[in-house]
Structure formats: structure tokens, C-alpha cells
Amino acid sequence: MRPLNILVIDDNPGDLRLFQEAIKESGIPCELTTALGAAEGLKIVMEKNLDLIVLDVMMPGMSGYAACNALKNHSPYKDIPILLLTSREQEIDSLNWKKMGIHYLQKPPKPKELLAKIEEIIK
């Protein structure tokens, strides 16, 4: 299996580091790119051929939900799977999101959970 090209978008540098550590611990072969906030992340999406976008929900400026809508409503990027990370116990309509190629995990993800979810998304 070739390494996955994964983009992680979060407004918290500490959370980006935690995610990088979780990916490393999980053993997922990947090239990991990080972006500090949705605006920076959307620019990277336009520049790279991505296999997965991991996206924080609660961010200032543009939320993860707004970024999802922007990506899913723009033809070249609508088929990139998205994994939303949320630290809040919020209601997420997982069936409708999943139909659009959007999955979610509670934040911070445990390495085994993360590996299982990424494998589920990529298969």
C-alpha cells in the first residue's frame, strides 16, 4: 500500500502535534501535512492530491462544517473523504454526513481508534 496523503486542519498547534503523534503511533504509512485553520487548509487542498482530510469542527473564522460544505460543493474536491474531529458532545447526523464522505471521531483520538477509522474510510 502506498503512503496516504493526509491533511490535518486544526486551529490549535498542540492538537496538531497530538494528531501527528497519534498517526505515528498507529503505524499508518502516510505523508502528513498540517494547516493552522480552515483558510490555510483550503489553500493546501487546492495544491495537493489528497487521500483524506482530517478537520477540527470548532475553529474561529471558518468552522469545520463550513469547510466541509465548501469542499463537498466544489467538484474537484467533493470526493475527498473527510474525518471531522470534535471535542464536544454534539449531535452529528452521522448517516447523512457519511453519505457525503464525511466521518467523525471524538477528539483527541486514540491511536487504535484512529487507525480503525482511517482504514474504514480508505477501504
N, C-alpha and C. Protein backbone atom coordinates (compact mmCIF):
# COMPACT_ATOMS: atom_id res chain seq x y z
N MET A 1 0.85 -1.18 0.00
CA MET A 1 0.00 0.00 0.00
C MET A 1 0.90 1.25 0.00
N ARG A 2 0.60 2.17 -0.91
CA ARG A 2 1.37 3.41 -0.95
C ARG A 2 1.00 4.27 0.25
N PRO A 3 1.91 5.14 0.68
CA PRO A 3 1.58 6.03 1.80
C PRO A 3 0.40 6.93 1.44
N LEU A 4 -0.48 7.14 2.39
CA LEU A 4 -1.63 8.03 2.20
C LEU A 4 -1.17 9.47 2.28
N ASN A 5 -1.83 10.32 1.55
CA ASN A 5 -1.57 11.76 1.60
C ASN A 5 -2.68 12.38 2.45
N ILE A 6 -2.37 12.73 3.71
CA ILE A 6 -3.36 13.20 4.67
C ILE A 6 -3.08 14.65 5.04
N LEU A 7 -4.14 15.46 5.04
CA LEU A 7 -4.08 16.84 5.51
C LEU A 7 -4.86 16.95 6.81
N VAL A 8 -4.23 17.52 7.84
CA VAL A 8 -4.89 17.75 9.12
C VAL A 8 -5.06 19.25 9.31
N ILE A 9 -6.30 19.69 9.54
CA ILE A 9 -6.61 21.11 9.72
C ILE A 9 -7.16 21.32 11.12
N ASP A 10 -6.48 22.17 11.89
CA ASP A 10 -6.90 22.49 13.26
C ASP A 10 -6.37 23.87 13.59
N ASP A 11 -7.05 24.59 14.47
CA ASP A 11 -6.59 25.93 14.85
C ASP A 11 -5.67 25.90 16.06
N ASN A 12 -5.46 24.72 16.63
CA ASN A 12 -4.65 24.59 17.84
C ASN A 12 -3.35 23.82 17.53
N PRO A 13 -2.19 24.49 17.61
CA PRO A 13 -0.92 23.80 17.31
C PRO A 13 -0.68 22.57 18.19
N GLY A 14 -1.12 22.63 19.43
CA GLY A 14 -0.97 21.48 20.33
C GLY A 14 -1.78 20.29 19.86
N ASP A 15 -2.98 20.54 19.38
CA ASP A 15 -3.81 19.46 18.85
C ASP A 15 -3.22 18.88 17.57
N LEU A 16 -2.61 19.73 16.75
CA LEU A 16 -1.94 19.23 15.54
C LEU A 16 -0.80 18.29 15.92
N ARG A 17 -0.03 18.65 16.95
CA ARG A 17 1.07 17.79 17.42
C ARG A 17 0.52 16.47 17.96
N LEU A 18 -0.57 16.53 18.74
CA LEU A 18 -1.17 15.30 19.28
C LEU A 18 -1.63 14.38 18.16
N PHE A 19 -2.21 14.96 17.11
CA PHE A 19 -2.66 14.15 16.00
C PHE A 19 -1.47 13.51 15.29
N GLN A 20 -0.40 14.28 15.09
CA GLN A 20 0.80 13.74 14.47
C GLN A 20 1.34 12.56 15.27
N GLU A 21 1.34 12.69 16.60
CA GLU A 21 1.81 11.60 17.45
C GLU A 21 0.90 10.38 17.34
N ALA A 22 -0.42 10.62 17.31
CA ALA A 22 -1.37 9.50 17.20
C ALA A 22 -1.18 8.77 15.87
N ILE A 23 -0.96 9.51 14.79
CA ILE A 23 -0.72 8.89 13.48
C ILE A 23 0.57 8.06 13.53
N LYS A 24 1.61 8.63 14.13
CA LYS A 24 2.90 7.92 14.22
C LYS A 24 2.73 6.63 15.02
N GLU A 25 2.03 6.70 16.16
CA GLU A 25 1.80 5.52 16.99
C GLU A 25 0.95 4.48 16.29
N SER A 26 0.04 4.92 15.44
CA SER A 26 -0.88 4.00 14.77
C SER A 26 -0.17 3.16 13.71
N GLY A 27 0.94 3.66 13.20
CA GLY A 27 1.67 2.94 12.17
C GLY A 27 1.13 3.13 10.77
N ILE A 28 0.22 4.06 10.58
CA ILE A 28 -0.35 4.32 9.26
C ILE A 28 0.74 4.91 8.36
N PRO A 29 1.04 4.27 7.23
CA PRO A 29 2.03 4.86 6.33
C PRO A 29 1.42 6.06 5.61
N CYS A 30 1.98 7.24 5.86
CA CYS A 30 1.39 8.42 5.24
C CYS A 30 2.36 9.58 5.15
N GLU A 31 2.01 10.50 4.26
CA GLU A 31 2.64 11.80 4.21
C GLU A 31 1.64 12.74 4.85
N LEU A 32 2.02 13.34 5.95
CA LEU A 32 1.10 14.16 6.73
C LEU A 32 1.44 15.64 6.56
N THR A 33 0.43 16.41 6.16
CA THR A 33 0.55 17.86 6.04
C THR A 33 -0.40 18.47 7.05
N THR A 34 0.01 19.55 7.71
CA THR A 34 -0.87 20.21 8.67
C THR A 34 -1.14 21.64 8.24
N ALA A 35 -2.29 22.14 8.66
CA ALA A 35 -2.68 23.52 8.39
C ALA A 35 -3.29 24.10 9.66
N LEU A 36 -2.91 25.32 9.96
CA LEU A 36 -3.41 26.01 11.14
C LEU A 36 -4.63 26.84 10.73
N GLY A 37 -5.80 26.22 10.77
CA GLY A 37 -7.05 26.89 10.42
C GLY A 37 -7.57 26.50 9.05
N ALA A 38 -8.88 26.73 8.87
CA ALA A 38 -9.56 26.29 7.65
C ALA A 38 -9.09 27.03 6.40
N ALA A 39 -8.84 28.33 6.49
CA ALA A 39 -8.42 29.09 5.31
C ALA A 39 -7.10 28.55 4.76
N GLU A 40 -6.13 28.33 5.64
CA GLU A 40 -4.85 27.76 5.22
C GLU A 40 -5.05 26.34 4.67
N GLY A 41 -5.90 25.58 5.32
CA GLY A 41 -6.17 24.21 4.88
C GLY A 41 -6.78 24.14 3.49
N LEU A 42 -7.73 25.03 3.21
CA LEU A 42 -8.37 25.02 1.89
C LEU A 42 -7.38 25.37 0.78
N LYS A 43 -6.41 26.23 1.08
CA LYS A 43 -5.37 26.54 0.09
C LYS A 43 -4.55 25.29 -0.22
N ILE A 44 -4.21 24.51 0.82
CA ILE A 44 -3.42 23.29 0.64
C ILE A 44 -4.22 22.25 -0.15
N VAL A 45 -5.52 22.17 0.10
CA VAL A 45 -6.37 21.22 -0.64
C VAL A 45 -6.24 21.46 -2.14
N MET A 46 -6.17 22.72 -2.54
CA MET A 46 -6.08 23.06 -3.97
C MET A 46 -4.72 22.70 -4.57
N GLU A 47 -3.69 22.55 -3.71
CA GLU A 47 -2.33 22.30 -4.19
C GLU A 47 -1.93 20.84 -4.19
N LYS A 48 -2.59 20.01 -3.38
CA LYS A 48 -2.15 18.62 -3.20
C LYS A 48 -3.21 17.63 -3.67
N ASN A 49 -2.76 16.45 -4.01
CA ASN A 49 -3.65 15.35 -4.33
C ASN A 49 -3.84 14.55 -3.03
N LEU A 50 -4.95 14.75 -2.34
CA LEU A 50 -5.15 14.20 -1.00
C LEU A 50 -5.99 12.94 -1.01
N ASP A 51 -5.68 12.03 -0.07
CA ASP A 51 -6.46 10.83 0.15
C ASP A 51 -7.47 11.01 1.28
N LEU A 52 -7.18 11.96 2.19
CA LEU A 52 -8.02 12.17 3.37
C LEU A 52 -7.75 13.55 3.95
N ILE A 53 -8.83 14.19 4.40
CA ILE A 53 -8.72 15.45 5.14
C ILE A 53 -9.26 15.20 6.54
N VAL A 54 -8.46 15.53 7.54
CA VAL A 54 -8.88 15.44 8.94
C VAL A 54 -9.09 16.87 9.40
N LEU A 55 -10.28 17.15 9.93
CA LEU A 55 -10.70 18.53 10.12
C LEU A 55 -11.34 18.74 11.49
N ASP A 56 -10.84 19.71 12.23
CA ASP A 56 -11.45 20.09 13.50
C ASP A 56 -12.78 20.78 13.21
N VAL A 57 -13.76 20.58 14.08
CA VAL A 57 -15.07 21.20 13.89
C VAL A 57 -15.06 22.65 14.37
N MET A 58 -14.61 22.88 15.60
CA MET A 58 -14.71 24.21 16.21
C MET A 58 -13.43 25.01 15.95
N MET A 59 -13.51 25.94 14.99
CA MET A 59 -12.37 26.82 14.68
C MET A 59 -12.91 28.23 14.47
N PRO A 60 -12.13 29.24 14.86
CA PRO A 60 -12.56 30.62 14.61
C PRO A 60 -12.50 30.94 13.11
N GLY A 61 -13.27 31.88 12.70
CA GLY A 61 -13.29 32.26 11.29
C GLY A 61 -14.19 31.33 10.50
N MET A 62 -13.65 30.23 10.05
CA MET A 62 -14.42 29.23 9.30
C MET A 62 -14.43 27.93 10.09
N SER A 63 -15.61 27.45 10.41
CA SER A 63 -15.73 26.20 11.16
C SER A 63 -15.44 25.01 10.25
N GLY A 64 -15.26 23.86 10.88
CA GLY A 64 -15.08 22.63 10.12
C GLY A 64 -16.29 22.31 9.27
N TYR A 65 -17.49 22.61 9.77
CA TYR A 65 -18.70 22.39 8.99
C TYR A 65 -18.72 23.25 7.73
N ALA A 66 -18.34 24.52 7.86
CA ALA A 66 -18.30 25.41 6.70
C ALA A 66 -17.26 24.94 5.69
N ALA A 67 -16.11 24.49 6.18
CA ALA A 67 -15.07 23.97 5.29
C ALA A 67 -15.56 22.71 4.56
N CYS A 68 -16.26 21.83 5.28
CA CYS A 68 -16.84 20.63 4.65
C CYS A 68 -17.78 21.02 3.52
N ASN A 69 -18.67 21.96 3.81
CA ASN A 69 -19.62 22.40 2.79
C ASN A 69 -18.90 22.99 1.58
N ALA A 70 -17.87 23.78 1.82
CA ALA A 70 -17.11 24.37 0.71
C ALA A 70 -16.47 23.28 -0.14
N LEU A 71 -15.91 22.27 0.49
CA LEU A 71 -15.25 21.19 -0.25
C LEU A 71 -16.25 20.29 -0.97
N LYS A 72 -17.31 19.93 -0.30
CA LYS A 72 -18.28 18.99 -0.88
C LYS A 72 -19.12 19.64 -1.98
N ASN A 73 -19.15 20.96 -2.05
CA ASN A 73 -19.91 21.66 -3.09
C ASN A 73 -19.01 22.17 -4.21
N HIS A 74 -17.75 21.74 -4.24
CA HIS A 74 -16.81 22.18 -5.26
C HIS A 74 -16.26 20.93 -5.96
N SER A 75 -16.64 20.73 -7.19
CA SER A 75 -16.39 19.49 -7.94
C SER A 75 -15.03 18.84 -7.76
N PRO A 76 -13.92 19.55 -7.92
CA PRO A 76 -12.64 18.84 -7.86
C PRO A 76 -12.34 18.19 -6.50
N TYR A 77 -13.00 18.64 -5.46
CA TYR A 77 -12.66 18.18 -4.10
C TYR A 77 -13.78 17.39 -3.42
N LYS A 78 -14.92 17.26 -4.07
CA LYS A 78 -16.09 16.67 -3.41
C LYS A 78 -15.92 15.20 -3.04
N ASP A 79 -15.00 14.50 -3.71
CA ASP A 79 -14.83 13.07 -3.43
C ASP A 79 -13.73 12.76 -2.42
N ILE A 80 -13.06 13.78 -1.91
CA ILE A 80 -12.02 13.53 -0.89
C ILE A 80 -12.73 13.21 0.43
N PRO A 81 -12.44 12.05 1.02
CA PRO A 81 -13.06 11.73 2.32
C PRO A 81 -12.59 12.72 3.39
N ILE A 82 -13.50 13.02 4.32
CA ILE A 82 -13.21 13.95 5.41
C ILE A 82 -13.50 13.26 6.73
N LEU A 83 -12.57 13.40 7.67
CA LEU A 83 -12.76 12.92 9.04
C LEU A 83 -12.84 14.14 9.95
N LEU A 84 -14.04 14.40 10.47
CA LEU A 84 -14.23 15.51 11.41
C LEU A 84 -13.82 15.07 12.80
N LEU A 85 -13.09 15.94 13.50
CA LEU A 85 -12.72 15.69 14.90
C LEU A 85 -13.45 16.70 15.76
N THR A 86 -14.14 16.20 16.76
CA THR A 86 -14.88 17.10 17.64
C THR A 86 -14.60 16.76 19.09
N SER A 87 -14.37 17.77 19.89
CA SER A 87 -14.15 17.56 21.33
C SER A 87 -15.44 17.74 22.10
N ARG A 88 -16.47 18.21 21.42
CA ARG A 88 -17.76 18.45 22.09
C ARG A 88 -18.67 17.26 21.91
N GLU A 89 -19.49 17.04 22.91
CA GLU A 89 -20.52 16.00 22.82
C GLU A 89 -21.68 16.63 22.07
N GLN A 90 -21.60 16.64 20.77
CA GLN A 90 -22.64 17.29 19.99
C GLN A 90 -23.34 16.28 19.10
N GLU A 91 -24.50 16.64 18.69
CA GLU A 91 -25.29 15.79 17.81
C GLU A 91 -24.75 15.92 16.39
N ILE A 92 -24.29 14.81 15.85
CA ILE A 92 -23.83 14.80 14.47
C ILE A 92 -24.68 13.77 13.74
N ASP A 93 -25.31 14.18 12.67
CA ASP A 93 -26.13 13.28 11.88
C ASP A 93 -25.20 12.42 11.03
N SER A 94 -24.67 11.37 11.64
CA SER A 94 -23.61 10.59 11.00
C SER A 94 -24.05 9.92 9.71
N LEU A 95 -25.30 9.51 9.59
CA LEU A 95 -25.75 8.85 8.37
C LEU A 95 -25.69 9.81 7.18
N ASN A 96 -26.22 11.02 7.34
CA ASN A 96 -26.18 11.99 6.25
C ASN A 96 -24.76 12.42 5.93
N TRP A 97 -23.94 12.62 6.95
CA TRP A 97 -22.56 13.02 6.71
C TRP A 97 -21.81 11.90 5.99
N LYS A 98 -22.04 10.65 6.42
CA LYS A 98 -21.33 9.51 5.82
C LYS A 98 -21.66 9.38 4.33
N LYS A 99 -22.92 9.65 3.96
CA LYS A 99 -23.30 9.60 2.55
C LYS A 99 -22.50 10.60 1.73
N MET A 100 -22.07 11.68 2.36
CA MET A 100 -21.28 12.72 1.68
C MET A 100 -19.78 12.45 1.77
N GLY A 101 -19.38 11.34 2.40
CA GLY A 101 -17.96 11.04 2.55
C GLY A 101 -17.34 11.72 3.76
N ILE A 102 -18.18 12.01 4.75
CA ILE A 102 -17.70 12.69 5.96
C ILE A 102 -17.93 11.76 7.15
N HIS A 103 -16.86 11.53 7.91
CA HIS A 103 -16.90 10.67 9.10
C HIS A 103 -16.50 11.52 10.29
N TYR A 104 -16.64 10.99 11.50
CA TYR A 104 -16.20 11.76 12.66
C TYR A 104 -15.68 10.88 13.77
N LEU A 105 -14.84 11.49 14.61
CA LEU A 105 -14.29 10.87 15.82
C LEU A 105 -14.27 11.91 16.92
N GLN A 106 -14.37 11.42 18.15
CA GLN A 106 -14.19 12.32 19.30
C GLN A 106 -12.72 12.70 19.40
N LYS A 107 -12.45 13.89 19.83
CA LYS A 107 -11.11 14.44 19.94
C LYS A 107 -10.66 14.40 21.40
N PRO A 108 -9.45 14.04 21.73
CA PRO A 108 -8.39 13.55 20.85
C PRO A 108 -8.59 12.07 20.57
N PRO A 109 -8.29 11.65 19.34
CA PRO A 109 -8.48 10.24 19.02
C PRO A 109 -7.38 9.37 19.62
N LYS A 110 -7.76 8.17 20.03
CA LYS A 110 -6.77 7.19 20.48
C LYS A 110 -6.15 6.57 19.22
N PRO A 111 -4.86 6.23 19.26
CA PRO A 111 -4.20 5.69 18.06
C PRO A 111 -4.93 4.50 17.42
N LYS A 112 -5.41 3.54 18.22
CA LYS A 112 -6.10 2.38 17.66
C LYS A 112 -7.43 2.79 17.00
N GLU A 113 -8.15 3.69 17.65
CA GLU A 113 -9.41 4.20 17.09
C GLU A 113 -9.15 4.91 15.76
N LEU A 114 -8.12 5.72 15.77
CA LEU A 114 -7.75 6.49 14.59
C LEU A 114 -7.40 5.56 13.43
N LEU A 115 -6.57 4.56 13.69
CA LEU A 115 -6.18 3.61 12.66
C LEU A 115 -7.41 2.90 12.10
N ALA A 116 -8.30 2.43 12.98
CA ALA A 116 -9.50 1.72 12.53
C ALA A 116 -10.39 2.63 11.68
N LYS A 117 -10.55 3.87 12.09
CA LYS A 117 -11.41 4.80 11.34
C LYS A 117 -10.80 5.13 9.98
N ILE A 118 -9.50 5.37 9.94
CA ILE A 118 -8.85 5.69 8.66
C ILE A 118 -8.92 4.49 7.72
N GLU A 119 -8.70 3.28 8.25
CA GLU A 119 -8.82 2.08 7.41
C GLU A 119 -10.24 1.93 6.88
N GLU A 120 -11.24 2.22 7.72
CA GLU A 120 -12.65 2.15 7.30
C GLU A 120 -12.92 3.15 6.17
N ILE A 121 -12.39 4.34 6.31
CA ILE A 121 -12.63 5.40 5.32
C ILE A 121 -11.95 5.10 4.00
N ILE A 122 -10.72 4.63 4.05
CA ILE A 122 -9.91 4.45 2.85
C ILE A 122 -10.28 3.19 2.06
N LYS A 123 -10.85 2.20 2.72
CA LYS A 123 -11.11 0.92 2.00
C LYS A 123 -12.00 1.04 0.80
